[in-house]
Protein backbone atom coordinates (compact mmCIF):
# COMPACT_ATOMS: atom_id res chain seq x y z
CA MET A 1 0.00 0.00 0.00
CA ALA A 2 1.17 3.49 -0.82
CA ARG A 3 1.15 6.39 1.63
CA TRP A 4 -0.80 9.45 0.41
CA VAL A 5 -1.80 12.95 1.43
CA ALA A 6 -5.20 14.23 0.33
CA LEU A 7 -5.47 18.02 0.26
CA LEU A 8 -9.11 19.08 0.09
CA ARG A 9 -10.06 22.49 -1.23
CA GLY A 10 -12.79 24.63 0.25
CA VAL A 11 -13.38 22.63 3.44
CA ASN A 12 -14.63 24.49 6.52
CA VAL A 13 -15.17 27.68 4.54
CA ASN A 14 -18.14 29.03 2.60
CA GLY A 15 -20.63 26.86 4.46
CA ILE A 16 -18.92 23.52 3.79
CA THR A 17 -18.21 22.15 7.25
CA ILE A 18 -16.69 18.72 7.76
CA ARG A 19 -15.45 17.62 11.15
CA ASN A 20 -12.13 15.79 11.21
CA ALA A 21 -13.73 12.73 12.82
CA ASP A 22 -16.28 12.51 9.99
CA LEU A 23 -13.55 12.98 7.38
CA ALA A 24 -11.42 10.24 8.93
CA SER A 25 -14.46 7.97 9.07
CA LEU A 26 -15.08 8.43 5.35
CA PHE A 27 -11.50 7.47 4.50
CA ALA A 28 -11.72 4.39 6.73
CA ASP A 29 -15.06 3.45 5.13
CA LEU A 30 -13.38 3.68 1.72
CA GLY A 31 -11.00 0.97 2.95
CA TYR A 32 -7.98 3.16 3.57
CA ALA A 33 -5.63 2.48 6.48
CA ASP A 34 -3.58 4.51 8.95
CA VAL A 35 -5.89 7.51 8.47
CA ARG A 36 -4.83 10.72 10.16
CA THR A 37 -6.43 14.14 9.74
CA VAL A 38 -4.38 17.27 10.35
CA LEU A 39 -5.93 20.59 11.36
CA ALA A 40 -9.46 21.50 10.30
CA SER A 41 -8.62 22.53 6.77
CA GLY A 42 -8.99 19.27 4.86
CA ASN A 43 -5.69 17.43 5.22
CA VAL A 44 -5.68 13.64 5.39
CA VAL A 45 -2.68 11.30 5.54
CA PHE A 46 -3.51 7.66 4.78
CA SER A 47 -2.43 4.42 3.13
CA ALA A 48 -4.26 2.99 0.14
CA PRO A 49 -3.85 0.32 -2.51
CA GLY A 50 -4.16 1.24 -6.16
CA ASP A 51 -2.90 4.03 -8.31
CA GLY A 52 -3.35 7.72 -7.66
CA ALA A 53 -6.07 8.26 -10.28
CA ASP A 54 -8.31 5.57 -8.77
CA VAL A 55 -7.71 6.76 -5.22
CA LYS A 56 -8.45 10.40 -6.15
CA THR A 57 -11.67 9.48 -7.95
CA ARG A 58 -12.91 7.32 -5.07
CA ILE A 59 -12.22 10.03 -2.48
CA GLU A 60 -13.89 12.79 -4.49
CA GLN A 61 -16.98 10.64 -5.08
CA GLY A 62 -17.06 9.62 -1.42
CA LEU A 63 -16.93 13.28 -0.33
CA ARG A 64 -19.75 14.17 -2.75
CA ASP A 65 -21.91 11.27 -1.61
CA ARG A 66 -21.38 11.71 2.12
CA PHE A 67 -21.14 15.49 2.49
CA GLY A 68 -23.14 16.69 -0.51
CA TYR A 69 -20.79 19.20 -2.06
CA ASP A 70 -18.83 19.45 -5.31
CA ALA A 71 -15.68 17.97 -3.84
CA TRP A 72 -12.25 17.69 -5.36
CA ILE A 73 -8.80 17.07 -3.99
CA VAL A 74 -5.14 17.26 -4.85
CA LEU A 75 -3.57 13.88 -4.07
CA VAL A 76 0.15 13.85 -3.25
CA PRO A 77 2.38 10.85 -2.57
CA HIS A 78 3.64 11.23 1.00
CA ASP A 79 7.31 10.93 0.03
CA ARG A 80 6.86 13.61 -2.62
CA LEU A 81 5.43 15.94 0.01
CA ALA A 82 8.60 15.54 2.04
CA ALA A 83 10.68 16.50 -1.01
CA VAL A 84 8.48 19.56 -1.66
CA VAL A 85 8.98 20.79 1.91
CA ASP A 86 12.71 20.05 1.87
CA THR A 87 13.26 22.02 -1.33
CA PHE A 88 11.30 25.16 -0.39
CA PRO A 89 13.52 27.74 -2.12
CA PHE A 90 13.02 30.88 -0.03
CA ASP A 91 14.50 31.81 3.32
CA SER A 92 11.92 31.88 6.08
CA ALA A 93 11.49 35.01 8.19
CA PRO A 94 9.26 35.81 11.19
CA ASP A 95 7.40 38.49 9.25
CA ARG A 96 6.54 36.21 6.29
CA HIS A 97 4.26 33.31 5.45
CA ASP A 98 5.61 30.52 3.28
CA TYR A 99 3.18 28.59 1.09
CA VAL A 100 3.10 25.85 -1.50
CA VAL A 101 0.42 25.82 -4.19
CA PHE A 102 -0.30 22.23 -5.25
CA GLY A 103 -1.91 21.35 -8.53
CA SER A 104 -3.54 18.31 -10.03
CA ASP A 105 -3.10 19.90 -13.47
CA ASP A 106 0.38 21.06 -14.46
CA THR A 107 -1.07 23.37 -17.12
CA ALA A 108 -3.03 25.23 -14.45
CA LEU A 109 0.14 25.76 -12.43
CA ALA A 110 1.91 27.08 -15.52
CA ASP A 111 -1.03 29.44 -16.17
CA LEU A 112 -0.99 30.54 -12.55
CA VAL A 113 2.53 31.95 -12.85
CA ALA A 114 2.60 32.86 -16.56
CA ASP A 115 3.39 36.54 -17.01
CA LEU A 116 2.71 37.15 -13.33
CA ASP A 117 3.87 40.65 -12.41
CA THR A 118 5.21 40.40 -8.87
CA ASP A 119 7.19 42.77 -6.70
CA ASP A 120 10.07 40.71 -5.24
CA ALA A 121 10.16 43.07 -2.26
CA VAL A 122 6.63 41.90 -1.42
CA GLU A 123 6.24 38.34 -2.63
CA ARG A 124 8.49 35.66 -4.00
CA VAL A 125 7.12 33.11 -6.46
CA THR A 126 8.76 30.28 -8.36
CA ARG A 127 7.71 27.02 -10.01
CA GLY A 128 8.73 23.69 -8.59
CA ASP A 129 7.98 20.12 -9.64
CA GLY A 130 4.17 20.04 -9.67
CA VAL A 131 3.95 23.00 -7.29
CA VAL A 132 4.38 26.74 -7.02
CA TYR A 133 6.43 28.05 -4.11
CA TRP A 134 5.27 31.34 -2.65
CA SER A 135 6.37 33.58 0.20
CA CYS A 136 4.58 36.79 1.20
CA PRO A 137 4.42 39.17 4.16
CA LYS A 138 2.16 38.13 7.01
CA GLY A 139 -1.28 39.63 6.58
CA SER A 140 -1.06 39.90 2.79
CA SER A 141 -1.90 36.38 1.67
CA THR A 142 -5.11 37.52 -0.02
CA ASP A 143 -3.98 40.71 -1.70
CA THR A 144 -0.71 39.95 -3.50
CA ALA A 145 -0.51 39.40 -7.25
CA LEU A 146 -0.35 35.61 -6.89
CA ALA A 147 -3.13 35.50 -4.30
CA LYS A 148 -5.47 37.45 -6.55
CA ARG A 149 -4.74 35.27 -9.56
CA ALA A 150 -5.03 32.03 -7.56
CA ALA A 151 -8.51 33.08 -6.41
CA ALA A 152 -9.82 32.99 -10.00
CA ALA A 153 -12.51 30.37 -10.67
CA ARG A 154 -10.39 28.60 -13.29
CA PHE A 155 -7.95 27.45 -10.59
CA LYS A 156 -10.59 26.23 -8.11
CA ARG A 157 -10.71 22.59 -9.22
CA SER A 158 -7.03 22.03 -9.79
CA THR A 159 -5.06 23.94 -7.15
CA THR A 160 -4.93 24.27 -3.40
CA THR A 161 -2.53 26.15 -1.15
CA ARG A 162 -0.96 25.09 2.14
CA ASN A 163 1.31 26.89 4.58
CA THR A 164 4.65 25.14 5.04
CA ASN A 165 3.95 24.82 8.78
CA THR A 166 0.86 22.74 7.93
CA LEU A 167 2.85 20.66 5.46
CA ARG A 168 5.42 19.80 8.11
CA LYS A 169 2.60 18.46 10.30
CA LEU A 170 1.61 16.11 7.46
CA LEU A 171 5.05 14.48 7.37
């Protein structure tokens, strides 16, 4: 069995509330093992047989059936998550937030950063392998150039963002 991390988008915001216990129960009911939820923002670490496409499809359908919302996830192999965290390219600072934008569609990630006009004094953005690395001042994670572009509807189904502190808790 492979070890996975499911990153749900839009959980516990905009009226979609799912308790961690209920989320863990769904994953167990799907037959997944060693299920662990992290924080209340839709992060699940688990073990599952099968390939990523099958696992992703089963989880998304299970979320739709059980919780009644248009669910989608970004599914990341656990060992890949460790590599993403280890290769974060920017220096951390107490006045900054460090994020990783994950994508289930590499084209969407390319579009997210294409011709993006950023001010390096404010935010730092670079592409990684299947991710976009992003660092911004605390308190500005909704009003920088990348934040505004990432909020566009076209990125809703294929990207999700996590703080590096959260990602470390998933390891």
